[in-house]
Structure formats: C-alpha cells, structure tokens
C-alpha cells in the first residue's frame, strides 16, 4: 500500500469523546504522529470558532482546517485558503419552504464565522446544534440580514421528517446531508463536501489522496472516505461508513483514533482493533 503522509481527523464522534474533549491519550498520539512527519488535517462540520473552542491549543497549530464540511479551508484557522457560499436566492428559497411546510423545525445560518437565527434558541436547541457550553449564542437576524449576508452553511434542526422533500426540491442546488442521529440537516454549496476541502488542502501539501488516512463516524464523512486512500471508521460510526472503511477502530470514547495512529509505522499489517 502507499505510504501514509496525511492524517485527516473528524472531530465530533471521532477525535472528540462524548464529553467533547480530546483525551490525553489521543492528544499524545496526534502530536507524535505529526512529529513523525505526517501532515495533520482537521475535517469537521463545525465552524472555525468551534475548532478553537474544542481543540487543545497545541493541536490547533498542526495544519489545515476543513470547516463547514468543506465550505471553508484555512491554514491553522488563521489564513483562509478557500470560502464557498450558498447562492442567496437559494438560501431564501429554503427558508421560505421551511416556513410553509415545517414550522416545527428551526433554521440557523452560518455567516462570517458566526451563527445566526431568526429567534433566540433555548438550551435544548443549542445542544442539538452542538454549541459548546459557554460559547456565544446565535445572533438574531432579520430577513433583511439574510438577504445581505453571504451564507456559508444552513442547519435545519429536528427536520428529519422533511429531509426527503427538501432533497427533491433543492437537491440540484445544494449539497444536503442528514446527520447527528437524523436530527440535523446540514446544507452546503452544491459542490462542497469534506472531500472537496481535502483536495484543496492536499494540493497545497503536495500529497495525493491515496496517501491520506481519514477518520470519521457520520454521513458527512462518506465523500471523504470515498476520496482518501485509507479510510478508518470509528466503532461508533454509522453502518454505511463502516461498510466502506479499510478498517474499523474502537469508539471515540475508547481512543479509537489513537489506537490506529500508534500503529502507523506498521500499517501494512494493520488489523481492525474492533474486530
């Protein structure tokens, strides 16, 4: 097999445990992996601000961040290399469709590394969106704001019942993924995915996709797994992801990422820790 030169890490359900923390074991394994010469790339649905809030400082300095499922690619969270936006007409059309057909769900918008909504959210709604404790609450916008601001991503919470209808209505205009136990619809520009962001990062690094190992757990990691040379599914990953992985490791609460990274020098004989 090809030598692994880049390691791509999802955060929630992967590098982060259920307490939304990076364990000391996983932190040490990632730092050691970098010290051995492997490029480290973060690939997450989260915005840059959440990576800063959740990732230990020493891990923040290691490499490129792919945020918003590929909508934003930055160098260590500082220098934006690429930003993609959803056409404003499409944003407004999706919101008005939700207003007409599913007022029980709630829509939030990502713009300028800030979350916006049309009303204040309660604690349960913030938890569904994965907003860390103590993090700034979403800013309240008007429809005028929505028309003026460039939108990187839409989130529809508790929208499981309308997902298929949204795909039929807008599937040709945006990339839409149902994640988080089917509780969260993530909407990005039509060409955007984690694989899209990874191509940008790897080109900068001079590394080919078949030299990349990627870790993930949810449906937004499917394109990433199909693109990279060595996909590793977490033990807590959805079945569809495990089915296309080269190996399945332990869960995020069992330091599954660390278990695989510690075997990297002998990857040719890597076997699944979960099997």
C-alpha atoms as a PDB file:
ATOM      1  CA  UNK A   1       0.000   0.000   0.000  1.00  0.00           C
ATOM      2  CA  UNK A   2       1.059   3.630  -0.405  1.00  0.00           C
ATOM      3  CA  UNK A   3       2.874   5.377   2.427  1.00  0.00           C
ATOM      4  CA  UNK A   4       0.525   7.427   4.605  1.00  0.00           C
ATOM      5  CA  UNK A   5       1.636  11.072   4.530  1.00  0.00           C
ATOM      6  CA  UNK A   6      -1.512  12.856   5.765  1.00  0.00           C
ATOM      7  CA  UNK A   7      -3.955  12.092   8.578  1.00  0.00           C
ATOM      8  CA  UNK A   8      -7.428  13.634   8.328  1.00  0.00           C
ATOM      9  CA  UNK A   9      -9.394  13.908  11.569  1.00  0.00           C
ATOM     10  CA  UNK A  10     -13.104  14.499  12.026  1.00  0.00           C
ATOM     11  CA  UNK A  11     -13.931  15.975  15.446  1.00  0.00           C
ATOM     12  CA  UNK A  12     -17.378  15.080  16.852  1.00  0.00           C
ATOM     13  CA  UNK A  13     -17.760  11.351  17.388  1.00  0.00           C
ATOM     14  CA  UNK A  14     -14.166  10.796  16.260  1.00  0.00           C
ATOM     15  CA  UNK A  15     -11.286  12.707  17.852  1.00  0.00           C
ATOM     16  CA  UNK A  16     -13.603  14.208  20.480  1.00  0.00           C
ATOM     17  CA  UNK A  17     -15.083  11.868  23.082  1.00  0.00           C
ATOM     18  CA  UNK A  18     -18.670  12.090  24.321  1.00  0.00           C
ATOM     19  CA  UNK A  19     -17.678  14.896  26.691  1.00  0.00           C
ATOM     20  CA  UNK A  20     -16.479  16.881  23.627  1.00  0.00           C
ATOM     21  CA  UNK A  21     -12.870  16.596  24.782  1.00  0.00           C
ATOM     22  CA  UNK A  22      -9.645  15.227  23.319  1.00  0.00           C
ATOM     23  CA  UNK A  23      -8.293  12.678  25.782  1.00  0.00           C
ATOM     24  CA  UNK A  24      -4.658  12.823  26.904  1.00  0.00           C
ATOM     25  CA  UNK A  25      -4.063   9.538  25.033  1.00  0.00           C
ATOM     26  CA  UNK A  26      -5.462  10.875  21.758  1.00  0.00           C
ATOM     27  CA  UNK A  27      -3.688  14.214  22.134  1.00  0.00           C
ATOM     28  CA  UNK A  28      -0.335  12.476  22.602  1.00  0.00           C
ATOM     29  CA  UNK A  29      -0.936  10.142  19.644  1.00  0.00           C
ATOM     30  CA  UNK A  30      -1.769  13.034  17.278  1.00  0.00           C
ATOM     31  CA  UNK A  31       1.276  15.047  18.391  1.00  0.00           C
ATOM     32  CA  UNK A  32       3.530  12.004  17.990  1.00  0.00           C
ATOM     33  CA  UNK A  33       2.062  11.359  14.542  1.00  0.00           C
ATOM     34  CA  UNK A  34       2.890  14.921  13.492  1.00  0.00           C
ATOM     35  CA  UNK A  35       6.390  14.618  14.942  1.00  0.00           C
ATOM     36  CA  UNK A  36       6.940  11.545  12.751  1.00  0.00           C
ATOM     37  CA  UNK A  37       6.314  13.718   9.689  1.00  0.00           C
ATOM     38  CA  UNK A  38       2.626  13.128   8.929  1.00  0.00           C
ATOM     39  CA  UNK A  39       0.552  16.151   7.903  1.00  0.00           C
ATOM     40  CA  UNK A  40      -2.447  16.653  10.206  1.00  0.00           C
ATOM     41  CA  UNK A  41      -5.694  17.958   8.714  1.00  0.00           C
ATOM     42  CA  UNK A  42      -8.880  18.682  10.682  1.00  0.00           C
ATOM     43  CA  UNK A  43     -12.069  17.991   8.689  1.00  0.00           C
ATOM     44  CA  UNK A  44     -15.261  18.928  10.507  1.00  0.00           C
ATOM     45  CA  UNK A  45     -18.790  20.182  10.013  1.00  0.00           C
ATOM     46  CA  UNK A  46     -18.063  22.768  12.679  1.00  0.00           C
ATOM     47  CA  UNK A  47     -17.078  26.410  12.083  1.00  0.00           C
ATOM     48  CA  UNK A  48     -13.560  27.671  12.797  1.00  0.00           C
ATOM     49  CA  UNK A  49     -14.655  29.252  16.093  1.00  0.00           C
ATOM     50  CA  UNK A  50     -15.746  25.831  17.427  1.00  0.00           C
ATOM     51  CA  UNK A  51     -12.437  24.253  16.463  1.00  0.00           C
ATOM     52  CA  UNK A  52     -10.707  26.928  18.554  1.00  0.00           C
ATOM     53  CA  UNK A  53     -13.082  26.265  21.460  1.00  0.00           C
ATOM     54  CA  UNK A  54     -12.827  22.462  21.411  1.00  0.00           C
ATOM     55  CA  UNK A  55      -9.363  21.574  20.143  1.00  0.00           C
ATOM     56  CA  UNK A  56      -6.369  21.854  22.516  1.00  0.00           C
ATOM     57  CA  UNK A  57      -4.118  24.751  21.541  1.00  0.00           C
ATOM     58  CA  UNK A  58      -1.151  22.576  20.590  1.00  0.00           C
ATOM     59  CA  UNK A  59      -3.346  20.606  18.162  1.00  0.00           C
ATOM     60  CA  UNK A  60      -4.681  23.809  16.608  1.00  0.00           C
ATOM     61  CA  UNK A  61      -1.185  24.632  15.331  1.00  0.00           C
ATOM     62  CA  UNK A  62      -0.576  21.415  13.412  1.00  0.00           C
ATOM     63  CA  UNK A  63      -2.097  22.004   9.989  1.00  0.00           C
ATOM     64  CA  UNK A  64      -5.025  22.829   7.756  1.00  0.00           C
ATOM     65  CA  UNK A  65      -8.637  23.023   8.943  1.00  0.00           C
ATOM     66  CA  UNK A  66     -11.510  21.955   6.686  1.00  0.00           C
ATOM     67  CA  UNK A  67     -14.603  23.527   8.276  1.00  0.00           C
ATOM     68  CA  UNK A  68     -18.309  23.607   7.385  1.00  0.00           C
ATOM     69  CA  UNK A  69     -17.884  20.230   5.644  1.00  0.00           C
ATOM     70  CA  UNK A  70     -15.509  21.837   3.146  1.00  0.00           C
ATOM     71  CA  UNK A  71     -17.112  25.262   2.840  1.00  0.00           C
ATOM     72  CA  UNK A  72     -14.075  26.930   4.427  1.00  0.00           C
ATOM     73  CA  UNK A  73     -10.452  25.773   4.298  1.00  0.00           C
ATOM     74  CA  UNK A  74      -7.911  27.596   6.456  1.00  0.00           C
ATOM     75  CA  UNK A  75      -4.256  27.310   7.392  1.00  0.00           C
ATOM     76  CA  UNK A  76      -4.350  26.606  11.149  1.00  0.00           C
ATOM     77  CA  UNK A  77      -7.582  28.534  11.453  1.00  0.00           C
ATOM     78  CA  UNK A  78      -5.935  31.821  10.517  1.00  0.00           C
ATOM     79  CA  UNK A  79      -5.397  32.230   6.786  1.00  0.00           C
ATOM     80  CA  UNK A  80      -8.482  31.434   4.646  1.00  0.00           C
ATOM     81  CA  UNK A  81      -7.451  29.451   1.585  1.00  0.00           C
ATOM     82  CA  UNK A  82     -10.961  28.938   0.253  1.00  0.00           C
ATOM     83  CA  UNK A  83     -14.504  30.036   1.127  1.00  0.00           C
ATOM     84  CA  UNK A  84     -17.682  28.859  -0.648  1.00  0.00           C
ATOM     85  CA  UNK A  85     -21.136  30.420  -0.307  1.00  0.00           C
ATOM     86  CA  UNK A  86     -24.669  29.221  -0.953  1.00  0.00           C
ATOM     87  CA  UNK A  87     -26.406  31.477  -3.528  1.00  0.00           C
ATOM     88  CA  UNK A  88     -28.527  33.971  -1.626  1.00  0.00           C
ATOM     89  CA  UNK A  89     -31.645  33.204  -3.659  1.00  0.00           C
ATOM     90  CA  UNK A  90     -31.309  29.543  -2.696  1.00  0.00           C
ATOM     91  CA  UNK A  91     -30.905  30.420   0.998  1.00  0.00           C
ATOM     92  CA  UNK A  92     -34.107  32.444   0.942  1.00  0.00           C
ATOM     93  CA  UNK A  93     -35.977  29.765  -1.000  1.00  0.00           C
ATOM     94  CA  UNK A  94     -35.018  27.051   1.503  1.00  0.00           C
ATOM     95  CA  UNK A  95     -36.047  29.211   4.445  1.00  0.00           C
ATOM     96  CA  UNK A  96     -39.413  30.119   2.917  1.00  0.00           C
ATOM     97  CA  UNK A  97     -40.028  26.460   2.069  1.00  0.00           C
ATOM     98  CA  UNK A  98     -39.452  25.553   5.719  1.00  0.00           C
ATOM     99  CA  UNK A  99     -41.778  28.335   6.848  1.00  0.00           C
ATOM    100  CA  UNK A 100     -44.531  26.930   4.645  1.00  0.00           C
ATOM    101  CA  UNK A 101     -44.041  23.211   5.236  1.00  0.00           C
ATOM    102  CA  UNK A 102     -42.372  22.604   8.604  1.00  0.00           C
ATOM    103  CA  UNK A 103     -42.560  25.343  11.194  1.00  0.00           C
ATOM    104  CA  UNK A 104     -41.711  22.815  13.922  1.00  0.00           C
ATOM    105  CA  UNK A 105     -38.081  22.746  12.770  1.00  0.00           C
ATOM    106  CA  UNK A 106     -35.734  25.684  13.185  1.00  0.00           C
ATOM    107  CA  UNK A 107     -33.206  27.055  10.725  1.00  0.00           C
ATOM    108  CA  UNK A 108     -29.854  28.606  11.572  1.00  0.00           C
ATOM    109  CA  UNK A 109     -27.325  30.251   9.261  1.00  0.00           C
ATOM    110  CA  UNK A 110     -23.532  30.426   9.281  1.00  0.00           C
ATOM    111  CA  UNK A 111     -22.021  33.673   8.042  1.00  0.00           C
ATOM    112  CA  UNK A 112     -18.686  35.283   8.840  1.00  0.00           C
ATOM    113  CA  UNK A 113     -17.837  32.555  11.384  1.00  0.00           C
ATOM    114  CA  UNK A 114     -20.978  33.432  13.350  1.00  0.00           C
ATOM    115  CA  UNK A 115     -24.250  31.555  13.777  1.00  0.00           C
ATOM    116  CA  UNK A 116     -27.450  33.475  13.131  1.00  0.00           C
ATOM    117  CA  UNK A 117     -31.126  32.623  13.632  1.00  0.00           C
ATOM    118  CA  UNK A 118     -34.460  34.419  13.403  1.00  0.00           C
ATOM    119  CA  UNK A 119     -35.182  33.944  17.104  1.00  0.00           C
ATOM    120  CA  UNK A 120     -33.388  33.143  20.325  1.00  0.00           C
ATOM    121  CA  UNK A 121     -32.782  29.419  20.827  1.00  0.00           C
ATOM    122  CA  UNK A 122     -33.411  27.512  24.039  1.00  0.00           C
ATOM    123  CA  UNK A 123     -30.856  25.287  25.765  1.00  0.00           C
ATOM    124  CA  UNK A 124     -32.080  22.053  24.150  1.00  0.00           C
ATOM    125  CA  UNK A 125     -31.954  23.616  20.683  1.00  0.00           C
ATOM    126  CA  UNK A 126     -28.409  24.848  21.281  1.00  0.00           C
ATOM    127  CA  UNK A 127     -27.413  21.358  22.424  1.00  0.00           C
ATOM    128  CA  UNK A 128     -28.808  19.834  19.221  1.00  0.00           C
ATOM    129  CA  UNK A 129     -26.667  22.271  17.243  1.00  0.00           C
ATOM    130  CA  UNK A 130     -23.568  21.240  19.189  1.00  0.00           C
ATOM    131  CA  UNK A 131     -22.922  24.690  20.632  1.00  0.00           C
ATOM    132  CA  UNK A 132     -20.313  24.241  23.401  1.00  0.00           C
ATOM    133  CA  UNK A 133     -21.204  25.374  26.917  1.00  0.00           C
ATOM    134  CA  UNK A 134     -20.224  28.990  27.420  1.00  0.00           C
ATOM    135  CA  UNK A 135     -19.899  29.662  23.696  1.00  0.00           C
ATOM    136  CA  UNK A 136     -21.622  32.722  22.220  1.00  0.00           C
ATOM    137  CA  UNK A 137     -25.291  32.218  21.434  1.00  0.00           C
ATOM    138  CA  UNK A 138     -26.527  32.592  17.856  1.00  0.00           C
ATOM    139  CA  UNK A 139     -27.154  36.193  16.825  1.00  0.00           C
ATOM    140  CA  UNK A 140     -30.708  37.083  15.873  1.00  0.00           C
ATOM    141  CA  UNK A 141     -31.109  38.293  12.293  1.00  0.00           C
ATOM    142  CA  UNK A 142     -33.920  39.748  10.241  1.00  0.00           C
ATOM    143  CA  UNK A 143     -34.857  38.656   6.732  1.00  0.00           C
ATOM    144  CA  UNK A 144     -33.066  41.780   5.583  1.00  0.00           C
ATOM    145  CA  UNK A 145     -29.866  40.489   7.178  1.00  0.00           C
ATOM    146  CA  UNK A 146     -30.331  37.161   5.406  1.00  0.00           C
ATOM    147  CA  UNK A 147     -30.639  38.917   2.059  1.00  0.00           C
ATOM    148  CA  UNK A 148     -27.450  40.899   2.651  1.00  0.00           C
ATOM    149  CA  UNK A 149     -25.036  38.417   4.256  1.00  0.00           C
ATOM    150  CA  UNK A 150     -23.000  35.733   2.435  1.00  0.00           C
ATOM    151  CA  UNK A 151     -24.120  32.375   3.871  1.00  0.00           C
ATOM    152  CA  UNK A 152     -21.633  29.505   4.118  1.00  0.00           C
ATOM    153  CA  UNK A 153     -23.957  26.885   5.597  1.00  0.00           C
ATOM    154  CA  UNK A 154     -27.552  26.266   6.692  1.00  0.00           C
ATOM    155  CA  UNK A 155     -28.581  23.997   9.551  1.00  0.00           C
ATOM    156  CA  UNK A 156     -32.114  22.650   9.983  1.00  0.00           C
ATOM    157  CA  UNK A 157     -32.687  21.038  13.370  1.00  0.00           C
ATOM    158  CA  UNK A 158     -35.363  18.416  14.067  1.00  0.00           C
ATOM    159  CA  UNK A 159     -36.006  18.317  10.331  1.00  0.00           C
ATOM    160  CA  UNK A 160     -35.855  14.555   9.776  1.00  0.00           C
ATOM    161  CA  UNK A 161     -39.446  14.417   8.559  1.00  0.00           C
ATOM    162  CA  UNK A 162     -38.857  16.907   5.752  1.00  0.00           C
ATOM    163  CA  UNK A 163     -35.387  15.817   4.612  1.00  0.00           C
ATOM    164  CA  UNK A 164     -36.506  13.783   1.584  1.00  0.00           C
ATOM    165  CA  UNK A 165     -38.828  16.568   0.434  1.00  0.00           C
ATOM    166  CA  UNK A 166     -36.001  19.103   0.716  1.00  0.00           C
ATOM    167  CA  UNK A 167     -33.706  16.874  -1.330  1.00  0.00           C
ATOM    168  CA  UNK A 168     -36.352  16.602  -4.056  1.00  0.00           C
ATOM    169  CA  UNK A 169     -36.906  20.364  -4.042  1.00  0.00           C
ATOM    170  CA  UNK A 170     -33.328  21.648  -3.695  1.00  0.00           C
ATOM    171  CA  UNK A 171     -31.001  18.696  -4.297  1.00  0.00           C
ATOM    172  CA  UNK A 172     -29.694  20.138  -7.563  1.00  0.00           C
ATOM    173  CA  UNK A 173     -28.877  23.488  -5.916  1.00  0.00           C
ATOM    174  CA  UNK A 174     -27.137  22.466  -2.673  1.00  0.00           C
ATOM    175  CA  UNK A 175     -25.359  19.546  -1.018  1.00  0.00           C
ATOM    176  CA  UNK A 176     -27.629  18.292   1.775  1.00  0.00           C
ATOM    177  CA  UNK A 177     -26.704  15.718   4.445  1.00  0.00           C
ATOM    178  CA  UNK A 178     -28.722  14.288   7.355  1.00  0.00           C
ATOM    179  CA  UNK A 179     -26.502  13.675  10.421  1.00  0.00           C
ATOM    180  CA  UNK A 180     -26.460  13.511  14.238  1.00  0.00           C
ATOM    181  CA  UNK A 181     -28.856  10.571  14.590  1.00  0.00           C
ATOM    182  CA  UNK A 182     -31.026  12.056  11.837  1.00  0.00           C
ATOM    183  CA  UNK A 183     -31.657  15.186  13.903  1.00  0.00           C
ATOM    184  CA  UNK A 184     -29.676  17.711  11.863  1.00  0.00           C
ATOM    185  CA  UNK A 185     -29.846  18.636   8.175  1.00  0.00           C
ATOM    186  CA  UNK A 186     -26.610  20.243   7.009  1.00  0.00           C
ATOM    187  CA  UNK A 187     -26.806  22.290   3.801  1.00  0.00           C
ATOM    188  CA  UNK A 188     -23.704  23.438   1.917  1.00  0.00           C
ATOM    189  CA  UNK A 189     -22.965  24.824  -1.569  1.00  0.00           C
ATOM    190  CA  UNK A 190     -23.707  22.172  -4.173  1.00  0.00           C
ATOM    191  CA  UNK A 191     -20.068  21.274  -4.928  1.00  0.00           C
ATOM    192  CA  UNK A 192     -18.895  21.346  -1.308  1.00  0.00           C
ATOM    193  CA  UNK A 193     -18.012  18.293   0.789  1.00  0.00           C
ATOM    194  CA  UNK A 194     -15.166  17.232   3.053  1.00  0.00           C
ATOM    195  CA  UNK A 195     -13.600  15.558   0.023  1.00  0.00           C
ATOM    196  CA  UNK A 196     -13.775  18.896  -1.815  1.00  0.00           C
ATOM    197  CA  UNK A 197     -11.946  20.613   1.040  1.00  0.00           C
ATOM    198  CA  UNK A 198      -9.425  17.790   1.308  1.00  0.00           C
ATOM    199  CA  UNK A 199      -8.462  18.163  -2.349  1.00  0.00           C
ATOM    200  CA  UNK A 200      -7.605  21.825  -1.691  1.00  0.00           C
ATOM    201  CA  UNK A 201      -5.504  21.007   1.392  1.00  0.00           C
ATOM    202  CA  UNK A 202      -3.677  18.075  -0.202  1.00  0.00           C
ATOM    203  CA  UNK A 203      -2.826  20.091  -3.306  1.00  0.00           C
ATOM    204  CA  UNK A 204      -1.192  22.702  -1.056  1.00  0.00           C
ATOM    205  CA  UNK A 205       0.756  19.979   0.714  1.00  0.00           C
ATOM    206  CA  UNK A 206       1.806  18.145  -2.443  1.00  0.00           C
ATOM    207  CA  UNK A 207       0.205  14.936  -1.165  1.00  0.00           C
ATOM    208  CA  UNK A 208      -2.010  12.617  -3.195  1.00  0.00           C
ATOM    209  CA  UNK A 209      -5.391  11.350  -1.971  1.00  0.00           C
ATOM    210  CA  UNK A 210      -4.168   7.755  -1.847  1.00  0.00           C
ATOM    211  CA  UNK A 211      -1.562   8.862   0.710  1.00  0.00           C
ATOM    212  CA  UNK A 212      -4.240  10.167   3.093  1.00  0.00           C
ATOM    213  CA  UNK A 213      -5.757   8.314   6.052  1.00  0.00           C
ATOM    214  CA  UNK A 214      -9.121   9.704   7.200  1.00  0.00           C
ATOM    215  CA  UNK A 215     -11.089   9.043  10.389  1.00  0.00           C
ATOM    216  CA  UNK A 216     -14.860   9.616  10.664  1.00  0.00           C
ATOM    217  CA  UNK A 217     -18.163   8.497  12.095  1.00  0.00           C
ATOM    218  CA  UNK A 218     -21.143  10.089  10.319  1.00  0.00           C
ATOM    219  CA  UNK A 219     -22.770  10.518   6.910  1.00  0.00           C
ATOM    220  CA  UNK A 220     -20.876  13.726   6.144  1.00  0.00           C
ATOM    221  CA  UNK A 221     -17.707  11.599   6.112  1.00  0.00           C
ATOM    222  CA  UNK A 222     -18.866   9.353   3.258  1.00  0.00           C
ATOM    223  CA  UNK A 223     -17.406  11.509   0.467  1.00  0.00           C
ATOM    224  CA  UNK A 224     -14.193  11.853   2.462  1.00  0.00           C
ATOM    225  CA  UNK A 225     -13.891   8.066   2.776  1.00  0.00           C
ATOM    226  CA  UNK A 226     -14.520   7.554  -0.920  1.00  0.00           C
ATOM    227  CA  UNK A 227     -11.796  10.057  -1.791  1.00  0.00           C
ATOM    228  CA  UNK A 228      -8.918   9.102   0.516  1.00  0.00           C
ATOM    229  CA  UNK A 229      -6.672   6.060   0.281  1.00  0.00           C
ATOM    230  CA  UNK A 230      -7.117   4.678   3.801  1.00  0.00           C
ATOM    231  CA  UNK A 231     -10.494   5.405   5.452  1.00  0.00           C
ATOM    232  CA  UNK A 232     -10.856   4.404   9.111  1.00  0.00           C
ATOM    233  CA  UNK A 233     -14.345   4.213  10.652  1.00  0.00           C
ATOM    234  CA  UNK A 234     -14.879   4.648  14.362  1.00  0.00           C
ATOM    235  CA  UNK A 235     -16.519   1.831  16.305  1.00  0.00           C
ATOM    236  CA  UNK A 236     -19.456   4.205  16.866  1.00  0.00           C
ATOM    237  CA  UNK A 237     -19.710   5.123  13.164  1.00  0.00           C
ATOM    238  CA  UNK A 238     -22.868   4.678  11.108  1.00  0.00           C
ATOM    239  CA  UNK A 239     -23.077   1.319   9.315  1.00  0.00           C
ATOM    240  CA  UNK A 240     -22.731   2.872   5.864  1.00  0.00           C
ATOM    241  CA  UNK A 241     -19.367   4.355   6.807  1.00  0.00           C
ATOM    242  CA  UNK A 242     -18.079   1.158   8.385  1.00  0.00           C
ATOM    243  CA  UNK A 243     -19.032  -0.715   5.217  1.00  0.00           C
ATOM    244  CA  UNK A 244     -16.612   1.275   3.026  1.00  0.00           C
ATOM    245  CA  UNK A 245     -13.781   1.652   5.572  1.00  0.00           C
ATOM    246  CA  UNK A 246     -10.440  -0.127   5.221  1.00  0.00           C
ATOM    247  CA  UNK A 247     -10.607  -0.811   8.953  1.00  0.00           C
ATOM    248  CA  UNK A 248     -12.919  -0.141  11.914  1.00  0.00           C
ATOM    249  CA  UNK A 249     -11.252   1.044  15.094  1.00  0.00           C
ATOM    250  CA  UNK A 250     -12.554   1.413  18.643  1.00  0.00           C
ATOM    251  CA  UNK A 251     -15.109   4.066  19.561  1.00  0.00           C
ATOM    252  CA  UNK A 252     -14.349   7.719  20.212  1.00  0.00           C
ATOM    253  CA  UNK A 253     -14.712   7.044  23.950  1.00  0.00           C
ATOM    254  CA  UNK A 254     -12.091   4.287  23.690  1.00  0.00           C
ATOM    255  CA  UNK A 255      -9.477   6.445  21.935  1.00  0.00           C
ATOM    256  CA  UNK A 256     -10.012   4.689  18.620  1.00  0.00           C
ATOM    257  CA  UNK A 257      -8.037   7.335  16.724  1.00  0.00           C
ATOM    258  CA  UNK A 258      -5.011   6.922  18.996  1.00  0.00           C
ATOM    259  CA  UNK A 259      -5.094   3.118  18.694  1.00  0.00           C
ATOM    260  CA  UNK A 260      -4.681   3.353  14.900  1.00  0.00           C
ATOM    261  CA  UNK A 261      -2.183   6.239  14.851  1.00  0.00           C
ATOM    262  CA  UNK A 262       0.104   4.321  17.189  1.00  0.00           C
ATOM    263  CA  UNK A 263       0.261   1.547  14.560  1.00  0.00           C
ATOM    264  CA  UNK A 264       1.107   3.853  11.651  1.00  0.00           C
ATOM    265  CA  UNK A 265       4.729   2.724  11.188  1.00  0.00           C
ATOM    266  CA  UNK A 266       3.459  -0.827  10.587  1.00  0.00           C
ATOM    267  CA  UNK A 267       0.314  -0.001   8.667  1.00  0.00           C
ATOM    268  CA  UNK A 268       0.912  -2.710   6.082  1.00  0.00           C
ATOM    269  CA  UNK A 269      -0.256  -5.235   8.632  1.00  0.00           C
ATOM    270  CA  UNK A 270      -2.894  -3.116  10.337  1.00  0.00           C
ATOM    271  CA  UNK A 271      -5.881  -5.084  11.605  1.00  0.00           C
ATOM    272  CA  UNK A 272      -9.137  -3.750  12.952  1.00  0.00           C
ATOM    273  CA  UNK A 273      -8.987  -3.160  16.757  1.00  0.00           C
ATOM    274  CA  UNK A 274     -12.756  -3.581  16.821  1.00  0.00           C
ATOM    275  CA  UNK A 275     -12.707  -6.931  15.069  1.00  0.00           C
END
